Structures are given as structure tokens and as C-alpha cells.
Amino acid sequence: ISELTLYIVLINTVLGILFGSFPLFFGLRMKNRKYGFYG
């Protein structure tokens, strides 16, 4: 169970990085780094 939980958290973190890259990209592009980084 602990290994399964770790794998699920890792997969979900990768998805968070994928989705979080959109506000980061737009924040850098639109010169709003604060919201991009927080997003």
C-alpha cells in the first residue's frame, strides 16, 4: 500500500507539473511572473 501510494503521488505530481506549466508559460510571456510562478 505504501508503494502504491508513492506511485500515485508521483504520477499526480507529474500531472501537476504538466498543468502548472501553462500558467508559468503565460505568466512569463505576459510579463506577470508572480501569478505564473504561484500557479
PDB file of all heavy atoms in Angstrom:
ATOM      1  N   ILE A   1       0.832  -1.202   0.000  1.00  0.00           N
ATOM      2  CA  ILE A   1       0.000   0.000   0.000  1.00  0.00           C
ATOM      3  C   ILE A   1       0.871   1.259   0.000  1.00  0.00           C
ATOM      4  O   ILE A   1       0.571   2.232  -0.699  1.00  0.00           O
ATOM      5  CB  ILE A   1      -0.946  -0.004   1.218  1.00  0.00           C
ATOM      6  CG1 ILE A   1      -1.938  -1.161   1.144  1.00  0.00           C
ATOM      7  CG2 ILE A   1      -1.689   1.324   1.351  1.00  0.00           C
ATOM      8  CD1 ILE A   1      -2.904  -1.065  -0.003  1.00  0.00           C
ATOM      9  N   SER A   2       1.954   1.245   0.740  1.00  0.00           N
ATOM     10  CA  SER A   2       2.817   2.427   0.784  1.00  0.00           C
ATOM     11  C   SER A   2       3.492   2.666  -0.566  1.00  0.00           C
ATOM     12  O   SER A   2       3.659   3.817  -0.986  1.00  0.00           O
ATOM     13  CB  SER A   2       3.869   2.284   1.881  1.00  0.00           C
ATOM     14  OG  SER A   2       4.697   1.171   1.633  1.00  0.00           O
ATOM     15  N   GLU A   3       3.885   1.614  -1.274  1.00  0.00           N
ATOM     16  CA  GLU A   3       4.465   1.775  -2.612  1.00  0.00           C
ATOM     17  C   GLU A   3       3.425   2.290  -3.594  1.00  0.00           C
ATOM     18  O   GLU A   3       3.727   3.165  -4.423  1.00  0.00           O
ATOM     19  CB  GLU A   3       5.035   0.457  -3.118  1.00  0.00           C
ATOM     20  CG  GLU A   3       6.296   0.007  -2.418  1.00  0.00           C
ATOM     21  CD  GLU A   3       6.746  -1.370  -2.879  1.00  0.00           C
ATOM     22  OE1 GLU A   3       5.894  -2.146  -3.387  1.00  0.00           O
ATOM     23  OE2 GLU A   3       7.934  -1.666  -2.728  1.00  0.00           O
ATOM     24  N   LEU A   4       2.217   1.767  -3.518  1.00  0.00           N
ATOM     25  CA  LEU A   4       1.136   2.220  -4.392  1.00  0.00           C
ATOM     26  C   LEU A   4       0.826   3.690  -4.152  1.00  0.00           C
ATOM     27  O   LEU A   4       0.658   4.461  -5.104  1.00  0.00           O
ATOM     28  CB  LEU A   4      -0.116   1.368  -4.173  1.00  0.00           C
ATOM     29  CG  LEU A   4      -1.329   1.734  -5.027  1.00  0.00           C
ATOM     30  CD1 LEU A   4      -1.018   1.515  -6.505  1.00  0.00           C
ATOM     31  CD2 LEU A   4      -2.531   0.931  -4.595  1.00  0.00           C
ATOM     32  N   THR A   5       0.793   4.087  -2.882  1.00  0.00           N
ATOM     33  CA  THR A   5       0.550   5.486  -2.551  1.00  0.00           C
ATOM     34  C   THR A   5       1.654   6.367  -3.112  1.00  0.00           C
ATOM     35  O   THR A   5       1.383   7.441  -3.666  1.00  0.00           O
ATOM     36  CB  THR A   5       0.464   5.666  -1.027  1.00  0.00           C
ATOM     37  OG1 THR A   5      -0.542   4.800  -0.512  1.00  0.00           O
ATOM     38  CG2 THR A   5       0.134   7.105  -0.662  1.00  0.00           C
ATOM     39  N   LEU A   6       2.892   5.943  -2.999  1.00  0.00           N
ATOM     40  CA  LEU A   6       4.018   6.702  -3.537  1.00  0.00           C
ATOM     41  C   LEU A   6       3.911   6.841  -5.052  1.00  0.00           C
ATOM     42  O   LEU A   6       4.117   7.942  -5.587  1.00  0.00           O
ATOM     43  CB  LEU A   6       5.340   6.029  -3.164  1.00  0.00           C
ATOM     44  CG  LEU A   6       6.596   6.672  -3.729  1.00  0.00           C
ATOM     45  CD1 LEU A   6       6.808   8.049  -3.115  1.00  0.00           C
ATOM     46  CD2 LEU A   6       7.791   5.785  -3.507  1.00  0.00           C
ATOM     47  N   TYR A   7       3.575   5.775  -5.747  1.00  0.00           N
ATOM     48  CA  TYR A   7       3.432   5.836  -7.208  1.00  0.00           C
ATOM     49  C   TYR A   7       2.303   6.776  -7.617  1.00  0.00           C
ATOM     50  O   TYR A   7       2.430   7.544  -8.578  1.00  0.00           O
ATOM     51  CB  TYR A   7       3.203   4.453  -7.799  1.00  0.00           C
ATOM     52  CG  TYR A   7       4.399   3.540  -7.699  1.00  0.00           C
ATOM     53  CD1 TYR A   7       4.240   2.191  -7.391  1.00  0.00           C
ATOM     54  CD2 TYR A   7       5.689   4.007  -7.914  1.00  0.00           C
ATOM     55  CE1 TYR A   7       5.335   1.347  -7.303  1.00  0.00           C
ATOM     56  CE2 TYR A   7       6.787   3.175  -7.828  1.00  0.00           C
ATOM     57  CZ  TYR A   7       6.606   1.843  -7.517  1.00  0.00           C
ATOM     58  OH  TYR A   7       7.695   1.021  -7.429  1.00  0.00           O
ATOM     59  N   ILE A   8       1.191   6.722  -6.901  1.00  0.00           N
ATOM     60  CA  ILE A   8       0.064   7.596  -7.218  1.00  0.00           C
ATOM     61  C   ILE A   8       0.442   9.055  -6.995  1.00  0.00           C
ATOM     62  O   ILE A   8       0.133   9.924  -7.830  1.00  0.00           O
ATOM     63  CB  ILE A   8      -1.182   7.198  -6.394  1.00  0.00           C
ATOM     64  CG1 ILE A   8      -1.724   5.858  -6.904  1.00  0.00           C
ATOM     65  CG2 ILE A   8      -2.259   8.274  -6.460  1.00  0.00           C
ATOM     66  CD1 ILE A   8      -2.827   5.276  -6.060  1.00  0.00           C
ATOM     67  N   VAL A   9       1.121   9.352  -5.891  1.00  0.00           N
ATOM     68  CA  VAL A   9       1.540  10.723  -5.610  1.00  0.00           C
ATOM     69  C   VAL A   9       2.531  11.202  -6.669  1.00  0.00           C
ATOM     70  O   VAL A   9       2.450  12.340  -7.141  1.00  0.00           O
ATOM     71  CB  VAL A   9       2.131  10.838  -4.191  1.00  0.00           C
ATOM     72  CG1 VAL A   9       2.838  12.169  -3.986  1.00  0.00           C
ATOM     73  CG2 VAL A   9       1.045  10.657  -3.143  1.00  0.00           C
ATOM     74  N   LEU A  10       3.453  10.349  -7.082  1.00  0.00           N
ATOM     75  CA  LEU A  10       4.423  10.738  -8.109  1.00  0.00           C
ATOM     76  C   LEU A  10       3.744  11.015  -9.453  1.00  0.00           C
ATOM     77  O   LEU A  10       4.070  11.995 -10.127  1.00  0.00           O
ATOM     78  CB  LEU A  10       5.497   9.662  -8.269  1.00  0.00           C
ATOM     79  CG  LEU A  10       6.520   9.567  -7.138  1.00  0.00           C
ATOM     80  CD1 LEU A  10       7.450   8.378  -7.369  1.00  0.00           C
ATOM     81  CD2 LEU A  10       7.310  10.848  -7.017  1.00  0.00           C
ATOM     82  N   ILE A  11       2.821  10.161  -9.845  1.00  0.00           N
ATOM     83  CA  ILE A  11       2.099  10.366 -11.106  1.00  0.00           C
ATOM     84  C   ILE A  11       1.282  11.657 -11.044  1.00  0.00           C
ATOM     85  O   ILE A  11       1.275  12.451 -11.985  1.00  0.00           O
ATOM     86  CB  ILE A  11       1.212   9.147 -11.432  1.00  0.00           C
ATOM     87  CG1 ILE A  11       2.091   7.960 -11.814  1.00  0.00           C
ATOM     88  CG2 ILE A  11       0.228   9.470 -12.551  1.00  0.00           C
ATOM     89  CD1 ILE A  11       1.358   6.653 -11.902  1.00  0.00           C
ATOM     90  N   ASN A  12       0.611  11.893  -9.914  1.00  0.00           N
ATOM     91  CA  ASN A  12      -0.190  13.112  -9.772  1.00  0.00           C
ATOM     92  C   ASN A  12       0.690  14.361  -9.725  1.00  0.00           C
ATOM     93  O   ASN A  12       0.289  15.420 -10.209  1.00  0.00           O
ATOM     94  CB  ASN A  12      -1.067  13.026  -8.525  1.00  0.00           C
ATOM     95  CG  ASN A  12      -2.222  12.077  -8.712  1.00  0.00           C
ATOM     96  OD1 ASN A  12      -2.643  11.819  -9.831  1.00  0.00           O
ATOM     97  ND2 ASN A  12      -2.735  11.554  -7.621  1.00  0.00           N
ATOM     98  N   THR A  13       1.896  14.247  -9.156  1.00  0.00           N
ATOM     99  CA  THR A  13       2.811  15.382  -9.153  1.00  0.00           C
ATOM    100  C   THR A  13       3.267  15.711 -10.571  1.00  0.00           C
ATOM    101  O   THR A  13       3.371  16.884 -10.945  1.00  0.00           O
ATOM    102  CB  THR A  13       4.020  15.090  -8.251  1.00  0.00           C
ATOM    103  OG1 THR A  13       3.552  14.785  -6.935  1.00  0.00           O
ATOM    104  CG2 THR A  13       4.961  16.268  -8.184  1.00  0.00           C
ATOM    105  N   VAL A  14       3.520  14.687 -11.367  1.00  0.00           N
ATOM    106  CA  VAL A  14       3.897  14.921 -12.767  1.00  0.00           C
ATOM    107  C   VAL A  14       2.745  15.598 -13.514  1.00  0.00           C
ATOM    108  O   VAL A  14       2.966  16.517 -14.313  1.00  0.00           O
ATOM    109  CB  VAL A  14       4.320  13.599 -13.448  1.00  0.00           C
ATOM    110  CG1 VAL A  14       4.454  13.768 -14.951  1.00  0.00           C
ATOM    111  CG2 VAL A  14       5.608  13.088 -12.843  1.00  0.00           C
ATOM    112  N   LEU A  15       1.515  15.183 -13.242  1.00  0.00           N
ATOM    113  CA  LEU A  15       0.365  15.854 -13.853  1.00  0.00           C
ATOM    114  C   LEU A  15       0.266  17.308 -13.380  1.00  0.00           C
ATOM    115  O   LEU A  15      -0.073  18.198 -14.171  1.00  0.00           O
ATOM    116  CB  LEU A  15      -0.929  15.113 -13.514  1.00  0.00           C
ATOM    117  CG  LEU A  15      -1.150  13.792 -14.240  1.00  0.00           C
ATOM    118  CD1 LEU A  15      -2.384  13.085 -13.696  1.00  0.00           C
ATOM    119  CD2 LEU A  15      -1.288  14.024 -15.719  1.00  0.00           C
ATOM    120  N   GLY A  16       0.572  17.562 -12.113  1.00  0.00           N
ATOM    121  CA  GLY A  16       0.582  18.925 -11.603  1.00  0.00           C
ATOM    122  C   GLY A  16       1.634  19.775 -12.292  1.00  0.00           C
ATOM    123  O   GLY A  16       1.399  20.945 -12.589  1.00  0.00           O
ATOM    124  N   ILE A  17       2.797  19.190 -12.571  1.00  0.00           N
ATOM    125  CA  ILE A  17       3.841  19.906 -13.300  1.00  0.00           C
ATOM    126  C   ILE A  17       3.376  20.206 -14.722  1.00  0.00           C
ATOM    127  O   ILE A  17       3.583  21.306 -15.242  1.00  0.00           O
ATOM    128  CB  ILE A  17       5.153  19.100 -13.302  1.00  0.00           C
ATOM    129  CG1 ILE A  17       5.739  19.057 -11.899  1.00  0.00           C
ATOM    130  CG2 ILE A  17       6.156  19.670 -14.288  1.00  0.00           C
ATOM    131  CD1 ILE A  17       6.897  18.089 -11.740  1.00  0.00           C
ATOM    132  N   LEU A  18       2.725  19.238 -15.339  1.00  0.00           N
ATOM    133  CA  LEU A  18       2.222  19.436 -16.700  1.00  0.00           C
ATOM    134  C   LEU A  18       1.191  20.553 -16.745  1.00  0.00           C
ATOM    135  O   LEU A  18       1.288  21.476 -17.564  1.00  0.00           O
ATOM    136  CB  LEU A  18       1.614  18.132 -17.231  1.00  0.00           C
ATOM    137  CG  LEU A  18       0.974  18.202 -18.597  1.00  0.00           C
ATOM    138  CD1 LEU A  18       2.050  18.370 -19.667  1.00  0.00           C
ATOM    139  CD2 LEU A  18       0.160  16.955 -18.861  1.00  0.00           C
ATOM    140  N   PHE A  19       0.194  20.517 -15.870  1.00  0.00           N
ATOM    141  CA  PHE A  19      -0.830  21.554 -15.859  1.00  0.00           C
ATOM    142  C   PHE A  19      -0.272  22.885 -15.378  1.00  0.00           C
ATOM    143  O   PHE A  19      -0.686  23.944 -15.842  1.00  0.00           O
ATOM    144  CB  PHE A  19      -2.016  21.143 -14.981  1.00  0.00           C
ATOM    145  CG  PHE A  19      -2.861  20.057 -15.578  1.00  0.00           C
ATOM    146  CD1 PHE A  19      -3.167  18.917 -14.857  1.00  0.00           C
ATOM    147  CD2 PHE A  19      -3.353  20.157 -16.863  1.00  0.00           C
ATOM    148  CE1 PHE A  19      -3.940  17.913 -15.398  1.00  0.00           C
ATOM    149  CE2 PHE A  19      -4.129  19.163 -17.423  1.00  0.00           C
ATOM    150  CZ  PHE A  19      -4.423  18.032 -16.680  1.00  0.00           C
ATOM    151  N   GLY A  20       0.662  22.857 -14.436  1.00  0.00           N
ATOM    152  CA  GLY A  20       1.251  24.087 -13.919  1.00  0.00           C
ATOM    153  C   GLY A  20       2.147  24.797 -14.909  1.00  0.00           C
ATOM    154  O   GLY A  20       2.439  25.981 -14.747  1.00  0.00           O
ATOM    155  N   SER A  21       2.587  24.083 -15.926  1.00  0.00           N
ATOM    156  CA  SER A  21       3.438  24.719 -16.928  1.00  0.00           C
ATOM    157  C   SER A  21       2.658  25.747 -17.759  1.00  0.00           C
ATOM    158  O   SER A  21       3.255  26.691 -18.275  1.00  0.00           O
ATOM    159  CB  SER A  21       4.084  23.677 -17.836  1.00  0.00           C
ATOM    160  OG  SER A  21       3.113  22.999 -18.597  1.00  0.00           O
ATOM    161  N   PHE A  22       1.343  25.606 -17.859  1.00  0.00           N
ATOM    162  CA  PHE A  22       0.541  26.569 -18.627  1.00  0.00           C
ATOM    163  C   PHE A  22       0.520  27.945 -17.969  1.00  0.00           C
ATOM    164  O   PHE A  22       0.821  28.939 -18.634  1.00  0.00           O
ATOM    165  CB  PHE A  22      -0.873  26.037 -18.865  1.00  0.00           C
ATOM    166  CG  PHE A  22      -0.916  24.885 -19.822  1.00  0.00           C
ATOM    167  CD1 PHE A  22      -1.118  23.597 -19.368  1.00  0.00           C
ATOM    168  CD2 PHE A  22      -0.731  25.088 -21.177  1.00  0.00           C
ATOM    169  CE1 PHE A  22      -1.142  22.532 -20.248  1.00  0.00           C
ATOM    170  CE2 PHE A  22      -0.749  24.032 -22.075  1.00  0.00           C
ATOM    171  CZ  PHE A  22      -0.958  22.744 -21.597  1.00  0.00           C
ATOM    172  N   PRO A  23       0.171  28.067 -16.672  1.00  0.00           N
ATOM    173  CA  PRO A  23       0.234  29.414 -16.091  1.00  0.00           C
ATOM    174  C   PRO A  23       1.665  29.951 -16.023  1.00  0.00           C
ATOM    175  O   PRO A  23       1.878  31.162 -16.156  1.00  0.00           O
ATOM    176  CB  PRO A  23      -0.362  29.255 -14.693  1.00  0.00           C
ATOM    177  CG  PRO A  23      -0.427  27.830 -14.419  1.00  0.00           C
ATOM    178  CD  PRO A  23      -0.419  27.122 -15.735  1.00  0.00           C
ATOM    179  N   LEU A  24       2.641  29.076 -15.855  1.00  0.00           N
ATOM    180  CA  LEU A  24       4.025  29.529 -15.841  1.00  0.00           C
ATOM    181  C   LEU A  24       4.413  30.106 -17.197  1.00  0.00           C
ATOM    182  O   LEU A  24       5.007  31.187 -17.283  1.00  0.00           O
ATOM    183  CB  LEU A  24       4.960  28.390 -15.463  1.00  0.00           C
ATOM    184  CG  LEU A  24       6.440  28.728 -15.344  1.00  0.00           C
ATOM    185  CD1 LEU A  24       6.669  29.723 -14.216  1.00  0.00           C
ATOM    186  CD2 LEU A  24       7.249  27.471 -15.103  1.00  0.00           C
ATOM    187  N   PHE A  25       4.044  29.420 -18.267  1.00  0.00           N
ATOM    188  CA  PHE A  25       4.338  29.890 -19.624  1.00  0.00           C
ATOM    189  C   PHE A  25       3.654  31.230 -19.892  1.00  0.00           C
ATOM    190  O   PHE A  25       4.272  32.186 -20.357  1.00  0.00           O
ATOM    191  CB  PHE A  25       3.902  28.849 -20.657  1.00  0.00           C
ATOM    192  CG  PHE A  25       3.977  29.342 -22.068  1.00  0.00           C
ATOM    193  CD1 PHE A  25       5.196  29.466 -22.709  1.00  0.00           C
ATOM    194  CD2 PHE A  25       2.828  29.690 -22.753  1.00  0.00           C
ATOM    195  CE1 PHE A  25       5.274  29.926 -24.016  1.00  0.00           C
ATOM    196  CE2 PHE A  25       2.882  30.153 -24.057  1.00  0.00           C
ATOM    197  CZ  PHE A  25       4.114  30.269 -24.685  1.00  0.00           C
ATOM    198  N   PHE A  26       2.346  31.304 -19.603  1.00  0.00           N
ATOM    199  CA  PHE A  26       1.620  32.542 -19.860  1.00  0.00           C
ATOM    200  C   PHE A  26       2.095  33.662 -18.949  1.00  0.00           C
ATOM    201  O   PHE A  26       2.103  34.830 -19.342  1.00  0.00           O
ATOM    202  CB  PHE A  26       0.111  32.334 -19.710  1.00  0.00           C
ATOM    203  CG  PHE A  26      -0.515  31.650 -20.881  1.00  0.00           C
ATOM    204  CD1 PHE A  26      -1.043  30.380 -20.764  1.00  0.00           C
ATOM    205  CD2 PHE A  26      -0.570  32.270 -22.110  1.00  0.00           C
ATOM    206  CE1 PHE A  26      -1.609  29.745 -21.847  1.00  0.00           C
ATOM    207  CE2 PHE A  26      -1.139  31.650 -23.207  1.00  0.00           C
ATOM    208  CZ  PHE A  26      -1.653  30.377 -23.068  1.00  0.00           C
ATOM    209  N   GLY A  27       2.472  33.335 -17.723  1.00  0.00           N
ATOM    210  CA  GLY A  27       2.984  34.349 -16.811  1.00  0.00           C
ATOM    211  C   GLY A  27       4.280  34.956 -17.309  1.00  0.00           C
ATOM    212  O   GLY A  27       4.489  36.169 -17.229  1.00  0.00           O
ATOM    213  N   LEU A  28       5.166  34.126 -17.825  1.00  0.00           N
ATOM    214  CA  LEU A  28       6.419  34.639 -18.367  1.00  0.00           C
ATOM    215  C   LEU A  28       6.179  35.406 -19.663  1.00  0.00           C
ATOM    216  O   LEU A  28       6.803  36.434 -19.911  1.00  0.00           O
ATOM    217  CB  LEU A  28       7.404  33.487 -18.602  1.00  0.00           C
ATOM    218  CG  LEU A  28       7.909  32.769 -17.353  1.00  0.00           C
ATOM    219  CD1 LEU A  28       8.743  31.557 -17.739  1.00  0.00           C
ATOM    220  CD2 LEU A  28       8.693  33.714 -16.467  1.00  0.00           C
ATOM    221  N   ARG A  29       5.280  34.909 -20.475  1.00  0.00           N
ATOM    222  CA  ARG A  29       5.004  35.534 -21.771  1.00  0.00           C
ATOM    223  C   ARG A  29       4.310  36.893 -21.625  1.00  0.00           C
ATOM    224  O   ARG A  29       4.598  37.822 -22.358  1.00  0.00           O
ATOM    225  CB  ARG A  29       4.134  34.581 -22.583  1.00  0.00           C
ATOM    226  CG  ARG A  29       3.797  35.068 -23.940  1.00  0.00           C
ATOM    227  CD  ARG A  29       4.426  34.196 -24.955  1.00  0.00           C
ATOM    228  NE  ARG A  29       3.898  34.558 -26.258  1.00  0.00           N
ATOM    229  CZ  ARG A  29       4.680  34.844 -27.272  1.00  0.00           C
ATOM    230  NH1 ARG A  29       5.973  34.769 -27.133  1.00  0.00           N
ATOM    231  NH2 ARG A  29       4.169  35.173 -28.424  1.00  0.00           N
ATOM    232  N   MET A  30       3.385  36.980 -20.669  1.00  0.00           N
ATOM    233  CA  MET A  30       2.601  38.198 -20.483  1.00  0.00           C
ATOM    234  C   MET A  30       3.209  39.126 -19.421  1.00  0.00           C
ATOM    235  O   MET A  30       2.560  40.066 -18.981  1.00  0.00           O
ATOM    236  CB  MET A  30       1.163  37.854 -20.070  1.00  0.00           C
ATOM    237  CG  MET A  30       0.428  37.005 -21.042  1.00  0.00           C
ATOM    238  SD  MET A  30       0.070  37.921 -22.511  1.00  0.00           S
ATOM    239  CE  MET A  30      -0.825  36.721 -23.452  1.00  0.00           C
ATOM    240  N   LYS A  31       4.430  38.827 -19.004  1.00  0.00           N
ATOM    241  CA  LYS A  31       5.157  39.644 -18.019  1.00  0.00           C
ATOM    242  C   LYS A  31       4.415  39.730 -16.689  1.00  0.00           C
ATOM    243  O   LYS A  31       4.324  40.799 -16.074  1.00  0.00           O
ATOM    244  CB  LYS A  31       5.442  41.029 -18.575  1.00  0.00           C
ATOM    245  CG  LYS A  31       6.365  40.995 -19.765  1.00  0.00           C
ATOM    246  CD  LYS A  31       6.658  42.382 -20.278  1.00  0.00           C
ATOM    247  CE  LYS A  31       7.635  42.312 -21.420  1.00  0.00           C
ATOM    248  NZ  LYS A  31       7.063  42.192 -22.707  1.00  0.00           N
ATOM    249  N   ASN A  32       3.873  38.603 -16.257  1.00  0.00           N
ATOM    250  CA  ASN A  32       3.210  38.513 -14.959  1.00  0.00           C
ATOM    251  C   ASN A  32       3.785  37.283 -14.248  1.00  0.00           C
ATOM    252  O   ASN A  32       3.107  36.279 -14.061  1.00  0.00           O
ATOM    253  CB  ASN A  32       1.701  38.399 -15.138  1.00  0.00           C
ATOM    254  CG  ASN A  32       0.955  38.631 -13.857  1.00  0.00           C
ATOM    255  OD1 ASN A  32       1.544  38.621 -12.791  1.00  0.00           O
ATOM    256  ND2 ASN A  32      -0.340  38.843 -13.966  1.00  0.00           N
ATOM    257  N   ARG A  33       5.040  37.396 -13.873  1.00  0.00           N
ATOM    258  CA  ARG A  33       5.768  36.248 -13.331  1.00  0.00           C
ATOM    259  C   ARG A  33       5.224  35.792 -11.990  1.00  0.00           C
ATOM    260  O   ARG A  33       5.285  34.606 -11.682  1.00  0.00           O
ATOM    261  CB  ARG A  33       7.247  36.599 -13.196  1.00  0.00           C
ATOM    262  CG  ARG A  33       7.892  36.804 -14.522  1.00  0.00           C
ATOM    263  CD  ARG A  33       9.324  37.151 -14.375  1.00  0.00           C
ATOM    264  NE  ARG A  33       9.895  37.362 -15.705  1.00  0.00           N
ATOM    265  CZ  ARG A  33      11.129  37.681 -15.920  1.00  0.00           C
ATOM    266  NH1 ARG A  33      11.955  37.839 -14.913  1.00  0.00           N
ATOM    267  NH2 ARG A  33      11.558  37.846 -17.148  1.00  0.00           N
ATOM    268  N   LYS A  34       4.698  36.707 -11.192  1.00  0.00           N
ATOM    269  CA  LYS A  34       4.213  36.340  -9.861  1.00  0.00           C
ATOM    270  C   LYS A  34       3.070  35.331  -9.962  1.00  0.00           C
ATOM    271  O   LYS A  34       3.118  34.267  -9.351  1.00  0.00           O
ATOM    272  CB  LYS A  34       3.760  37.592  -9.112  1.00  0.00           C
ATOM    273  CG  LYS A  34       3.314  37.311  -7.689  1.00  0.00           C
ATOM    274  CD  LYS A  34       3.015  38.595  -6.941  1.00  0.00           C
ATOM    275  CE  LYS A  34       1.596  38.995  -7.210  1.00  0.00           C
ATOM    276  NZ  LYS A  34       1.147  40.108  -6.370  1.00  0.00           N
ATOM    277  N   TYR A  35       2.039  35.653 -10.742  1.00  0.00           N
ATOM    278  CA  TYR A  35       0.917  34.728 -10.896  1.00  0.00           C
ATOM    279  C   TYR A  35       1.349  33.439 -11.604  1.00  0.00           C
ATOM    280  O   TYR A  35       0.855  32.354 -11.291  1.00  0.00           O
ATOM    281  CB  TYR A  35      -0.222  35.366 -11.672  1.00  0.00           C
ATOM    282  CG  TYR A  35      -1.107  36.279 -10.855  1.00  0.00           C
ATOM    283  CD1 TYR A  35      -1.905  37.221 -11.481  1.00  0.00           C
ATOM    284  CD2 TYR A  35      -1.163  36.201  -9.481  1.00  0.00           C
ATOM    285  CE1 TYR A  35      -2.721  38.068 -10.757  1.00  0.00           C
ATOM    286  CE2 TYR A  35      -1.966  37.042  -8.749  1.00  0.00           C
ATOM    287  CZ  TYR A  35      -2.748  37.975  -9.389  1.00  0.00           C
ATOM    288  OH  TYR A  35      -3.557  38.797  -8.682  1.00  0.00           O
ATOM    289  N   GLY A  36       2.249  33.545 -12.550  1.00  0.00           N
ATOM    290  CA  GLY A  36       2.734  32.357 -13.243  1.00  0.00           C
ATOM    291  C   GLY A  36       3.454  31.407 -12.315  1.00  0.00           C
ATOM    292  O   GLY A  36       3.221  30.197 -12.336  1.00  0.00           O
ATOM    293  N   PHE A  37       4.318  31.955 -11.461  1.00  0.00           N
ATOM    294  CA  PHE A  37       5.060  31.125 -10.516  1.00  0.00           C
ATOM    295  C   PHE A  37       4.128  30.521  -9.469  1.00  0.00           C
ATOM    296  O   PHE A  37       4.202  29.335  -9.161  1.00  0.00           O
ATOM    297  CB  PHE A  37       6.158  31.955  -9.848  1.00  0.00           C
ATOM    298  CG  PHE A  37       6.999  31.182  -8.886  1.00  0.00           C
ATOM    299  CD1 PHE A  37       7.909  30.243  -9.346  1.00  0.00           C
ATOM    300  CD2 PHE A  37       6.879  31.382  -7.531  1.00  0.00           C
ATOM    301  CE1 PHE A  37       8.683  29.512  -8.464  1.00  0.00           C
ATOM    302  CE2 PHE A  37       7.646  30.657  -6.638  1.00  0.00           C
ATOM    303  CZ  PHE A  37       8.555  29.724  -7.104  1.00  0.00           C
ATOM    304  N   TYR A  38       3.216  31.342  -8.915  1.00  0.00           N
ATOM    305  CA  TYR A  38       2.260  30.823  -7.930  1.00  0.00           C
ATOM    306  C   TYR A  38       1.366  29.748  -8.543  1.00  0.00           C
ATOM    307  O   TYR A  38       1.073  28.741  -7.906  1.00  0.00           O
ATOM    308  CB  TYR A  38       1.393  31.945  -7.367  1.00  0.00           C
ATOM    309  CG  TYR A  38       2.109  32.863  -6.398  1.00  0.00           C
ATOM    310  CD1 TYR A  38       1.685  34.169  -6.222  1.00  0.00           C
ATOM    311  CD2 TYR A  38       3.201  32.433  -5.652  1.00  0.00           C
ATOM    312  CE1 TYR A  38       2.337  35.023  -5.347  1.00  0.00           C
ATOM    313  CE2 TYR A  38       3.853  33.274  -4.779  1.00  0.00           C
ATOM    314  CZ  TYR A  38       3.416  34.565  -4.624  1.00  0.00           C
ATOM    315  OH  TYR A  38       4.050  35.402  -3.750  1.00  0.00           O
ATOM    316  N   GLY A  39       0.919  29.961  -9.757  1.00  0.00           N
ATOM    317  CA  GLY A  39       0.087  28.963 -10.428  1.00  0.00           C
ATOM    318  C   GLY A  39       0.817  27.654 -10.605  1.00  0.00           C
ATOM    319  O   GLY A  39       0.244  26.577 -10.428  1.00  0.00           O
TER     320      GLY A  39
END
